[in-house]
Structure formats: structure tokens, C-alpha cells
């Protein structure tokens, strides 16, 4: 990401977080001439203890000097989470993590292979769909449960196994989630955290431009600027064979130099999901679960 692209991303993020705030919760009247939702720029500046002109320049993406202490004051005013603060700091700095130096060609388009030990751990989670992905959300590994619930990733060419792309292109994934947008938001929040962490990797900017060009829904959700390294959500799926299933998503960072993460979908407690997963994995699902859930 070049300097101009970084500043534009910073501008978009600050504006989206400002517009998401409730004026009354910050002691400002909700009425008056508010042309857009959320706080005004001068109100954020007041809360942060900075001049309105300086904050306006910051949000406009101007190339100005930003100290860590002042940036922290802005983060507090906007009530940013820990992950959002790291993202803000990455965009406001003069540089992010260096690119990985992957060569062009097919090798750069394929994710790194997980270790045999990690793949074995994932394979043992027989009732919990699990997906291993890299910092570009490319799928590096999965277990049989994930293939049964989502899709058989083995049928997808390695260079096309990007979870963000698949969510917008594969009809079976779009039909699976009862709330597809919530499903996608979780992955985009993770992807944005990487986007800020690896701000010097031009691959992200090219990928985002490509997705925005071909998928209008991507632009809408991306503009929400959500950031999370490990979103914990409950997702409801309507599986073609097993019917209604509910999962809790837990994302685990894998220690090592490959920057891999493991996304595990655990059957939600007090539901019939575990029983349905066992039946689905045994190949004995006869549609009874689907009829029982409507």
C-alpha cells in the first residue's frame, strides 16, 4: 500500500467510526442540523483535546505528522477497540510490516502448507468444521467437517481458495448462512486487521480494487470498516442435508513464521447441532433434521 492509499484508508476508517457514534452518549445533543449520522468532526476534536482543523486534516487524509499520544486521544474519543487502535496506528505510521517477498506466479498465488501436526489436530475435530487460512485469507487446510458443511475445498483450484472470494462467488456458501452478511463481516473484519498490519504489501490494495469492481456487495460491507483479529459470533446455517445448525466461531492464531490462523466452528450449546454433525459425518443423514427444524 503506497502512502496515498494508506492515507485514504485512514480517512475512510476515521469517518466510518465517527459516524457510528451516538452524539447523546458523548454528551452532545442529537438534534440540530446534522447532515450525517454520528458525531461532527469538531465534536471528535473536542473529545480528543485537539484542534478541529488538525482533526479535519487527519480525517481528510492529509499528510501530517501524528504523534502516538495524540493518536491515542483520538482513539479514546472514537471509543476504538484494541484491534481498531492497532489498525489506526498502522495506517497512521510511516510504514507497516514488510511484504513477505513472495515471487510472482503460481507459487505466490497458493497459500503456505500447514504443518502435518496442525493438519492432524484439525482433522481430529470431527464435529467441528475447521479452516486454516493465511494472512490473505487463502485456505491452507481444512478438515472433513468443513468440507461437509461448507464445500469440498479440494475441488477448488489452489489459486482460487481465497475465503473472501469464495463467499462472494459460490452460491452454496451464500445459501448456507441464514445471515450471509454477518457471516461475511466476520471474515472481512479479520481481513482488515491484516490489511492494516501488512500496510506495505501492495497485494491487498489490488485485491480490494478487484473485489469492489466485480462485487458491489463487497464494497458496501468493506466500507463499514470493521476490524477484529478474532471475532466471536454465533452463526446460524441452513444446511441442505442437516437443516438448521448453529455454531460459535473461534479464531486461533497459529504460532510460527507462516502467520496462519485456525477458524473453528463449534456447535452452539443447547442446540441439536452436535447430533446433526455426527449424523452428517457418518453419512447417515436422511433429512430428518431438516424436517424437524422446518
Protein backbone atom coordinates (compact mmCIF):
# COMPACT_ATOMS: atom_id res chain seq x y z
CA UNK A 1 0.00 0.00 0.00
CA UNK A 2 1.60 3.31 -1.02
CA UNK A 3 1.45 6.41 1.18
CA UNK A 4 -1.58 7.88 -0.60
CA UNK A 5 -3.54 4.65 -0.38
CA UNK A 6 -2.68 4.39 3.32
CA UNK A 7 -3.94 7.93 3.99
CA UNK A 8 -7.15 7.25 2.08
CA UNK A 9 -7.74 4.09 4.13
CA UNK A 10 -7.10 6.12 7.30
CA UNK A 11 -9.62 8.73 6.16
CA UNK A 12 -12.29 6.14 5.40
CA UNK A 13 -11.77 4.40 8.73
CA UNK A 14 -11.94 7.55 10.86
CA UNK A 15 -15.05 8.75 9.08
CA UNK A 16 -16.85 5.42 9.45
CA UNK A 17 -16.02 5.19 13.18
CA UNK A 18 -17.10 8.80 13.78
CA UNK A 19 -20.40 8.27 12.01
CA UNK A 20 -21.09 5.14 14.07
CA UNK A 21 -21.11 7.07 17.37
CA UNK A 22 -24.23 8.31 19.16
CA UNK A 23 -23.97 12.04 19.98
CA UNK A 24 -26.11 11.74 23.11
CA UNK A 25 -23.83 9.07 24.58
CA UNK A 26 -20.98 11.56 24.32
CA UNK A 27 -22.90 14.46 25.87
CA UNK A 28 -23.87 16.21 22.64
CA UNK A 29 -27.47 16.99 21.60
CA UNK A 30 -28.90 14.63 18.99
CA UNK A 31 -30.94 17.34 17.29
CA UNK A 32 -29.77 20.30 15.26
CA UNK A 33 -28.56 20.33 11.71
CA UNK A 34 -26.76 17.00 11.47
CA UNK A 35 -26.37 16.19 7.80
CA UNK A 36 -24.89 12.77 8.55
CA UNK A 37 -25.21 10.26 11.41
CA UNK A 38 -22.79 10.25 14.30
CA UNK A 39 -20.55 12.95 15.71
CA UNK A 40 -19.32 16.03 13.91
CA UNK A 41 -15.60 16.41 13.30
CA UNK A 42 -15.36 19.30 15.73
CA UNK A 43 -17.02 17.17 18.40
CA UNK A 44 -14.44 14.42 17.98
CA UNK A 45 -11.72 17.06 18.15
CA UNK A 46 -13.23 18.40 21.39
CA UNK A 47 -13.32 14.95 22.96
CA UNK A 48 -9.76 14.22 21.84
CA UNK A 49 -8.40 17.59 23.00
CA UNK A 50 -7.07 18.57 19.58
CA UNK A 51 -7.87 21.44 17.27
CA UNK A 52 -10.81 20.97 14.88
CA UNK A 53 -8.58 21.94 11.97
CA UNK A 54 -5.97 19.30 12.83
CA UNK A 55 -8.55 16.55 13.20
CA UNK A 56 -10.25 17.60 9.96
CA UNK A 57 -6.92 17.33 8.15
CA UNK A 58 -6.33 13.92 9.71
CA UNK A 59 -9.72 12.63 8.62
CA UNK A 60 -9.29 14.12 5.16
CA UNK A 61 -6.17 12.01 4.75
CA UNK A 62 -3.72 14.88 4.59
CA UNK A 63 -0.06 14.03 5.03
CA UNK A 64 0.50 15.50 8.51
CA UNK A 65 2.65 14.49 11.48
CA UNK A 66 0.82 12.40 14.08
CA UNK A 67 2.25 11.59 17.49
CA UNK A 68 1.37 8.36 19.29
CA UNK A 69 -0.11 10.23 22.26
CA UNK A 70 -2.42 12.36 20.12
CA UNK A 71 -3.45 9.33 18.10
CA UNK A 72 -4.34 7.56 21.36
CA UNK A 73 -6.50 10.54 22.33
CA UNK A 74 -8.35 10.26 19.02
CA UNK A 75 -8.78 6.51 19.57
CA UNK A 76 -10.31 7.14 23.01
CA UNK A 77 -12.66 9.77 21.61
CA UNK A 78 -13.85 7.34 18.95
CA UNK A 79 -14.07 4.50 21.51
CA UNK A 80 -11.99 2.18 19.39
CA UNK A 81 -11.39 -1.42 20.40
CA UNK A 82 -7.88 -2.80 20.88
CA UNK A 83 -7.82 -4.22 17.35
CA UNK A 84 -9.14 -0.97 15.92
CA UNK A 85 -6.43 1.00 17.73
CA UNK A 86 -3.72 -1.20 16.26
CA UNK A 87 -5.27 -0.75 12.81
CA UNK A 88 -5.38 3.03 13.27
CA UNK A 89 -1.75 3.12 14.41
CA UNK A 90 -0.65 1.03 11.42
CA UNK A 91 -2.32 3.33 8.93
CA UNK A 92 -1.05 6.50 10.60
CA UNK A 93 2.56 5.27 10.78
CA UNK A 94 5.16 5.73 8.05
CA UNK A 95 5.39 2.02 7.40
CA UNK A 96 3.88 -1.34 8.20
CA UNK A 97 5.27 -4.83 8.14
CA UNK A 98 7.40 -5.59 5.14
CA UNK A 99 5.93 -7.74 2.37
CA UNK A 100 6.72 -11.41 2.58
CA UNK A 101 8.74 -11.29 -0.64
CA UNK A 102 6.68 -13.96 -2.39
CA UNK A 103 7.64 -14.40 -6.00
CA UNK A 104 5.20 -13.76 -8.81
CA UNK A 105 3.50 -16.70 -10.42
CA UNK A 106 1.68 -19.77 -9.18
CA UNK A 107 3.79 -20.10 -6.03
CA UNK A 108 2.66 -16.64 -4.87
CA UNK A 109 -0.98 -17.49 -5.55
CA UNK A 110 -1.02 -20.58 -3.34
CA UNK A 111 -1.15 -20.40 0.46
CA UNK A 112 1.60 -21.92 2.61
CA UNK A 113 1.11 -25.53 3.64
CA UNK A 114 0.26 -26.11 7.31
CA UNK A 115 2.45 -28.46 9.26
CA UNK A 116 1.47 -32.12 9.46
CA UNK A 117 0.89 -31.71 13.19
CA UNK A 118 -1.51 -28.79 12.69
CA UNK A 119 -3.40 -30.63 9.95
CA UNK A 120 -3.71 -33.66 12.26
CA UNK A 121 -5.13 -31.52 15.06
CA UNK A 122 -7.72 -30.05 12.70
CA UNK A 123 -8.60 -33.47 11.29
CA UNK A 124 -9.34 -34.78 14.80
CA UNK A 125 -12.12 -32.17 15.23
CA UNK A 126 -14.71 -34.48 13.74
CA UNK A 127 -17.79 -32.49 14.84
CA UNK A 128 -16.27 -29.03 14.46
CA UNK A 129 -15.69 -27.61 10.97
CA UNK A 130 -12.24 -26.03 10.94
CA UNK A 131 -10.42 -23.99 8.30
CA UNK A 132 -6.75 -22.97 8.29
CA UNK A 133 -6.06 -19.73 6.43
CA UNK A 134 -3.16 -17.35 5.90
CA UNK A 135 -2.91 -13.57 6.20
CA UNK A 136 -4.52 -13.13 2.79
CA UNK A 137 -7.48 -15.32 3.80
CA UNK A 138 -6.28 -18.04 1.43
CA UNK A 139 -7.33 -21.50 2.57
CA UNK A 140 -4.30 -23.54 3.53
CA UNK A 141 -6.08 -26.51 5.12
CA UNK A 142 -9.41 -27.81 6.36
CA UNK A 143 -10.99 -30.89 7.89
CA UNK A 144 -13.68 -33.24 6.64
CA UNK A 145 -16.32 -31.49 8.76
CA UNK A 146 -15.62 -28.21 6.94
CA UNK A 147 -15.91 -29.97 3.58
CA UNK A 148 -19.28 -31.42 4.61
CA UNK A 149 -20.71 -28.16 5.96
CA UNK A 150 -19.24 -25.54 3.62
CA UNK A 151 -17.96 -27.07 0.39
CA UNK A 152 -15.30 -29.51 -0.73
CA UNK A 153 -12.36 -27.14 -0.96
CA UNK A 154 -10.38 -29.90 -2.65
CA UNK A 155 -12.45 -29.33 -5.80
CA UNK A 156 -11.40 -25.68 -5.91
CA UNK A 157 -8.06 -24.92 -7.65
CA UNK A 158 -5.44 -23.88 -5.04
CA UNK A 159 -5.01 -20.42 -6.55
CA UNK A 160 -8.76 -19.80 -6.13
CA UNK A 161 -9.03 -20.90 -2.50
CA UNK A 162 -9.47 -17.46 -1.02
CA UNK A 163 -12.27 -17.42 1.55
CA UNK A 164 -13.26 -13.81 0.82
CA UNK A 165 -13.57 -14.53 -2.89
CA UNK A 166 -15.48 -17.77 -2.31
CA UNK A 167 -18.01 -16.05 -0.04
CA UNK A 168 -18.94 -13.73 -2.90
CA UNK A 169 -18.79 -16.23 -5.76
CA UNK A 170 -20.01 -19.61 -4.51
CA UNK A 171 -23.83 -19.92 -4.36
CA UNK A 172 -23.65 -22.77 -1.84
CA UNK A 173 -21.91 -20.52 0.69
CA UNK A 174 -24.38 -17.72 0.07
CA UNK A 175 -27.30 -20.12 0.65
CA UNK A 176 -25.73 -21.70 3.72
CA UNK A 177 -25.71 -18.75 6.13
CA UNK A 178 -29.10 -17.55 7.35
CA UNK A 179 -27.49 -14.12 7.79
CA UNK A 180 -24.93 -14.10 4.99
CA UNK A 181 -23.82 -10.53 5.70
CA UNK A 182 -22.99 -11.35 9.31
CA UNK A 183 -21.01 -14.34 8.09
CA UNK A 184 -19.03 -12.17 5.68
CA UNK A 185 -18.50 -9.35 8.18
CA UNK A 186 -16.53 -11.70 10.43
CA UNK A 187 -14.09 -12.60 7.67
CA UNK A 188 -13.80 -9.00 6.44
CA UNK A 189 -13.03 -7.83 9.98
CA UNK A 190 -10.16 -10.33 10.12
CA UNK A 191 -9.04 -9.37 6.62
CA UNK A 192 -8.98 -5.67 7.54
CA UNK A 193 -6.80 -6.38 10.57
CA UNK A 194 -4.27 -8.00 8.22
CA UNK A 195 -4.70 -5.10 5.76
CA UNK A 196 -3.52 -2.69 8.45
CA UNK A 197 -0.81 -4.98 9.79
CA UNK A 198 0.75 -5.52 6.35
CA UNK A 199 0.22 -2.00 5.07
CA UNK A 200 3.28 -2.17 2.80
CA UNK A 201 2.03 -5.19 0.87
CA UNK A 202 0.50 -3.89 -2.38
CA UNK A 203 -1.36 -7.18 -2.87
CA UNK A 204 -4.12 -6.03 -0.51
CA UNK A 205 -4.87 -2.85 -2.44
CA UNK A 206 -5.03 -4.76 -5.73
CA UNK A 207 -7.27 -7.44 -4.23
CA UNK A 208 -9.68 -4.88 -2.74
CA UNK A 209 -9.93 -3.00 -6.03
CA UNK A 210 -10.68 -6.25 -7.85
CA UNK A 211 -13.38 -7.23 -5.37
CA UNK A 212 -15.00 -3.79 -5.46
CA UNK A 213 -15.03 -3.86 -9.25
CA UNK A 214 -16.81 -7.20 -9.55
CA UNK A 215 -18.84 -7.43 -6.33
CA UNK A 216 -20.92 -4.37 -5.28
CA UNK A 217 -21.90 -6.09 -2.02
CA UNK A 218 -18.23 -6.31 -1.11
CA UNK A 219 -17.86 -2.53 -1.32
CA UNK A 220 -20.89 -1.99 0.92
CA UNK A 221 -19.61 -4.31 3.65
CA UNK A 222 -15.98 -3.24 3.30
CA UNK A 223 -16.93 0.40 3.78
CA UNK A 224 -18.25 -0.45 7.26
CA UNK A 225 -14.56 -0.64 8.30
CA UNK A 226 -14.96 -3.32 10.96
CA UNK A 227 -11.72 -4.58 12.48
CA UNK A 228 -11.19 -7.68 14.62
CA UNK A 229 -8.40 -10.20 14.85
CA UNK A 230 -10.72 -12.81 16.37
CA UNK A 231 -14.46 -12.10 16.10
CA UNK A 232 -16.53 -14.39 18.31
CA UNK A 233 -20.01 -14.78 16.87
CA UNK A 234 -22.81 -17.31 16.72
CA UNK A 235 -23.77 -18.23 13.16
CA UNK A 236 -26.90 -19.99 12.01
CA UNK A 237 -26.65 -22.20 8.95
CA UNK A 238 -29.35 -23.90 6.90
CA UNK A 239 -27.59 -26.95 5.59
CA UNK A 240 -29.06 -28.71 2.54
CA UNK A 241 -28.90 -32.09 4.30
CA UNK A 242 -28.72 -31.42 8.02
CA UNK A 243 -31.10 -28.47 8.25
CA UNK A 244 -30.68 -25.77 10.89
CA UNK A 245 -27.33 -25.72 12.69
CA UNK A 246 -25.79 -23.10 14.97
CA UNK A 247 -22.06 -22.62 15.50
CA UNK A 248 -19.81 -20.44 17.61
CA UNK A 249 -16.84 -19.14 15.64
CA UNK A 250 -13.49 -19.06 17.41
CA UNK A 251 -10.35 -17.85 15.64
CA UNK A 252 -6.97 -19.02 16.89
CA UNK A 253 -3.63 -17.60 15.81
CA UNK A 254 -1.08 -20.30 14.99
CA UNK A 255 2.38 -19.54 16.35
CA UNK A 256 5.14 -19.68 13.77
CA UNK A 257 6.53 -17.77 10.81
CA UNK A 258 3.70 -18.55 8.38
CA UNK A 259 1.10 -16.28 10.06
CA UNK A 260 -1.67 -18.86 9.89
CA UNK A 261 -4.96 -18.86 11.77
CA UNK A 262 -7.42 -21.61 12.53
CA UNK A 263 -11.14 -20.80 12.39
CA UNK A 264 -13.13 -23.37 14.35
CA UNK A 265 -16.90 -23.64 14.21
CA UNK A 266 -18.04 -25.26 17.46
CA UNK A 267 -21.65 -26.48 17.77
CA UNK A 268 -23.55 -23.98 19.92
CA UNK A 269 -24.61 -25.32 23.33
CA UNK A 270 -28.24 -26.25 23.99
CA UNK A 271 -28.82 -26.99 20.30
CA UNK A 272 -29.08 -30.16 18.23
CA UNK A 273 -26.08 -29.19 16.12
CA UNK A 274 -23.66 -31.72 17.64
CA UNK A 275 -26.06 -34.58 16.96
CA UNK A 276 -26.62 -33.37 13.40
CA UNK A 277 -22.90 -33.04 12.79
CA UNK A 278 -22.31 -36.61 13.92
CA UNK A 279 -25.05 -37.84 11.62
CA UNK A 280 -23.72 -35.75 8.75
CA UNK A 281 -20.19 -37.07 9.26
CA UNK A 282 -21.42 -40.67 9.40
CA UNK A 283 -23.21 -40.22 6.09
CA UNK A 284 -26.50 -41.37 7.62
CA UNK A 285 -28.34 -38.08 7.37
CA UNK A 286 -31.74 -38.83 5.87
CA UNK A 287 -33.25 -35.36 6.05
CA UNK A 288 -34.88 -35.91 9.45
CA UNK A 289 -33.01 -32.98 10.95
CA UNK A 290 -34.17 -30.70 8.17
CA UNK A 291 -37.81 -31.70 8.59
CA UNK A 292 -37.62 -31.28 12.36
CA UNK A 293 -36.34 -27.71 12.06
CA UNK A 294 -38.67 -26.62 9.31
